[in-house]
Amino acid sequence: MPQPQLCFEWGGPMHTWAERERPEPTPADRRTLMATAATAHSSSYRRGPTRAYVG
């Protein structure tokens, strides 16, 4: 998390692509990232074991 973060945006009246790099995520962004990861992690455990792929 203490690494640089690339922020991007697509849109506007001319449909332009804009990028900029921040030194690290803001505290609010860190909280959102951790909440998203926790939700995905707990959701994957609720589904139960997966079947092995047989090719």
N, C-alpha and C. Protein backbone atom coordinates (compact mmCIF):
# COMPACT_ATOMS: atom_id res chain seq x y z
N MET A 1 0.79 -1.20 0.00
CA MET A 1 0.00 0.00 0.00
C MET A 1 0.84 1.28 0.00
N PRO A 2 2.04 1.28 0.55
CA PRO A 2 2.80 2.53 0.54
C PRO A 2 3.51 2.78 -0.79
N GLN A 3 3.04 2.16 -1.86
CA GLN A 3 3.65 2.37 -3.17
C GLN A 3 2.87 3.43 -3.94
N PRO A 4 3.46 3.98 -4.99
CA PRO A 4 2.75 4.97 -5.80
C PRO A 4 1.46 4.40 -6.38
N GLN A 5 0.48 5.26 -6.57
CA GLN A 5 -0.83 4.86 -7.07
C GLN A 5 -1.09 5.61 -8.38
N LEU A 6 -1.48 4.88 -9.41
CA LEU A 6 -1.81 5.48 -10.69
C LEU A 6 -3.31 5.74 -10.74
N CYS A 7 -3.68 6.98 -10.88
CA CYS A 7 -5.09 7.36 -10.97
C CYS A 7 -5.39 7.70 -12.43
N PHE A 8 -6.53 7.25 -12.92
CA PHE A 8 -6.89 7.53 -14.30
C PHE A 8 -8.35 7.92 -14.39
N GLU A 9 -8.67 8.56 -15.49
CA GLU A 9 -10.03 9.03 -15.71
C GLU A 9 -10.30 9.04 -17.21
N TRP A 10 -11.46 8.61 -17.59
CA TRP A 10 -11.88 8.59 -18.99
C TRP A 10 -13.19 9.33 -19.07
N GLY A 11 -13.26 10.30 -19.92
CA GLY A 11 -14.54 10.99 -20.07
C GLY A 11 -14.37 12.45 -20.42
N GLY A 12 -15.37 13.20 -20.06
CA GLY A 12 -15.40 14.61 -20.41
C GLY A 12 -16.04 14.79 -21.77
N PRO A 13 -16.23 16.03 -22.19
CA PRO A 13 -16.89 16.27 -23.47
C PRO A 13 -16.07 15.79 -24.68
N MET A 14 -14.74 15.73 -24.53
CA MET A 14 -13.89 15.30 -25.65
C MET A 14 -13.47 13.84 -25.50
N HIS A 15 -13.99 13.13 -24.51
CA HIS A 15 -13.65 11.72 -24.25
C HIS A 15 -12.13 11.53 -24.20
N THR A 16 -11.51 12.25 -23.29
CA THR A 16 -10.06 12.18 -23.16
C THR A 16 -9.66 11.24 -22.04
N TRP A 17 -8.44 10.75 -22.12
CA TRP A 17 -7.88 9.86 -21.12
C TRP A 17 -6.87 10.68 -20.32
N ALA A 18 -7.00 10.68 -19.02
CA ALA A 18 -6.09 11.43 -18.16
C ALA A 18 -5.50 10.50 -17.11
N GLU A 19 -4.20 10.61 -16.89
CA GLU A 19 -3.52 9.81 -15.88
C GLU A 19 -2.67 10.72 -15.01
N ARG A 20 -2.53 10.34 -13.76
CA ARG A 20 -1.58 11.00 -12.88
C ARG A 20 -1.17 10.02 -11.80
N GLU A 21 0.00 10.22 -11.24
CA GLU A 21 0.50 9.31 -10.22
C GLU A 21 0.58 10.03 -8.89
N ARG A 22 0.05 9.39 -7.86
CA ARG A 22 0.14 9.92 -6.50
C ARG A 22 1.22 9.16 -5.76
N PRO A 23 1.84 9.78 -4.77
CA PRO A 23 2.89 9.07 -4.04
C PRO A 23 2.40 7.80 -3.35
N GLU A 24 1.22 7.80 -2.78
CA GLU A 24 0.62 6.62 -2.17
C GLU A 24 -0.87 6.88 -2.00
N PRO A 25 -1.67 5.82 -1.80
CA PRO A 25 -3.11 6.02 -1.64
C PRO A 25 -3.44 6.85 -0.40
N THR A 26 -4.51 7.59 -0.49
CA THR A 26 -4.96 8.38 0.65
C THR A 26 -5.52 7.44 1.72
N PRO A 27 -5.63 7.88 2.95
CA PRO A 27 -6.21 7.01 3.99
C PRO A 27 -7.62 6.52 3.65
N ALA A 28 -8.43 7.35 3.04
CA ALA A 28 -9.78 6.92 2.66
C ALA A 28 -9.71 5.84 1.58
N ASP A 29 -8.79 5.98 0.62
CA ASP A 29 -8.63 4.96 -0.42
C ASP A 29 -8.12 3.65 0.16
N ARG A 30 -7.22 3.72 1.13
CA ARG A 30 -6.73 2.51 1.79
C ARG A 30 -7.86 1.78 2.50
N ARG A 31 -8.69 2.54 3.19
CA ARG A 31 -9.83 1.94 3.90
C ARG A 31 -10.77 1.26 2.91
N THR A 32 -11.03 1.91 1.78
CA THR A 32 -11.91 1.32 0.77
C THR A 32 -11.30 0.05 0.18
N LEU A 33 -10.00 0.07 -0.11
CA LEU A 33 -9.34 -1.11 -0.65
C LEU A 33 -9.39 -2.28 0.32
N MET A 34 -9.14 -2.01 1.60
CA MET A 34 -9.16 -3.08 2.60
C MET A 34 -10.57 -3.62 2.80
N ALA A 35 -11.58 -2.76 2.77
CA ALA A 35 -12.97 -3.21 2.91
C ALA A 35 -13.37 -4.07 1.73
N THR A 36 -12.95 -3.69 0.52
CA THR A 36 -13.26 -4.47 -0.68
C THR A 36 -12.60 -5.83 -0.63
N ALA A 37 -11.33 -5.87 -0.22
CA ALA A 37 -10.62 -7.15 -0.12
C ALA A 37 -11.26 -8.04 0.95
N ALA A 38 -11.66 -7.47 2.07
CA ALA A 38 -12.28 -8.27 3.13
C ALA A 38 -13.62 -8.84 2.68
N THR A 39 -14.39 -8.06 1.95
CA THR A 39 -15.68 -8.54 1.45
C THR A 39 -15.48 -9.68 0.46
N ALA A 40 -14.54 -9.54 -0.45
CA ALA A 40 -14.27 -10.59 -1.42
C ALA A 40 -13.77 -11.86 -0.73
N HIS A 41 -12.93 -11.68 0.26
CA HIS A 41 -12.38 -12.83 0.98
C HIS A 41 -13.48 -13.59 1.73
N SER A 42 -14.32 -12.87 2.46
CA SER A 42 -15.37 -13.55 3.22
C SER A 42 -16.43 -14.15 2.30
N SER A 43 -16.69 -13.51 1.17
CA SER A 43 -17.66 -14.07 0.22
C SER A 43 -17.16 -15.37 -0.38
N SER A 44 -15.86 -15.46 -0.62
CA SER A 44 -15.32 -16.68 -1.21
C SER A 44 -15.40 -17.84 -0.22
N TYR A 45 -15.29 -17.57 1.06
CA TYR A 45 -15.41 -18.65 2.06
C TYR A 45 -16.86 -19.09 2.25
N ARG A 46 -17.80 -18.20 2.06
CA ARG A 46 -19.20 -18.56 2.23
C ARG A 46 -19.68 -19.49 1.12
N ARG A 47 -19.05 -19.45 -0.02
CA ARG A 47 -19.48 -20.27 -1.15
C ARG A 47 -19.16 -21.74 -0.95
N GLY A 48 -18.23 -22.05 -0.11
CA GLY A 48 -17.87 -23.44 0.12
C GLY A 48 -16.74 -23.87 -0.79
N PRO A 49 -16.34 -25.12 -0.65
CA PRO A 49 -15.23 -25.61 -1.48
C PRO A 49 -15.64 -25.71 -2.95
N THR A 50 -14.68 -25.48 -3.80
CA THR A 50 -14.94 -25.57 -5.23
C THR A 50 -14.55 -26.94 -5.75
N ARG A 51 -15.15 -27.34 -6.83
CA ARG A 51 -14.80 -28.61 -7.46
C ARG A 51 -13.54 -28.45 -8.28
N ALA A 52 -12.75 -29.47 -8.33
CA ALA A 52 -11.53 -29.44 -9.12
C ALA A 52 -11.90 -29.50 -10.60
N TYR A 53 -11.15 -28.78 -11.39
CA TYR A 53 -11.39 -28.79 -12.84
C TYR A 53 -10.80 -30.06 -13.44
N VAL A 54 -11.60 -30.78 -14.17
CA VAL A 54 -11.13 -31.99 -14.85
C VAL A 54 -11.15 -31.69 -16.34
N GLY A 55 -9.99 -31.67 -16.94
CA GLY A 55 -9.89 -31.27 -18.35
C GLY A 55 -9.95 -32.33 -19.33
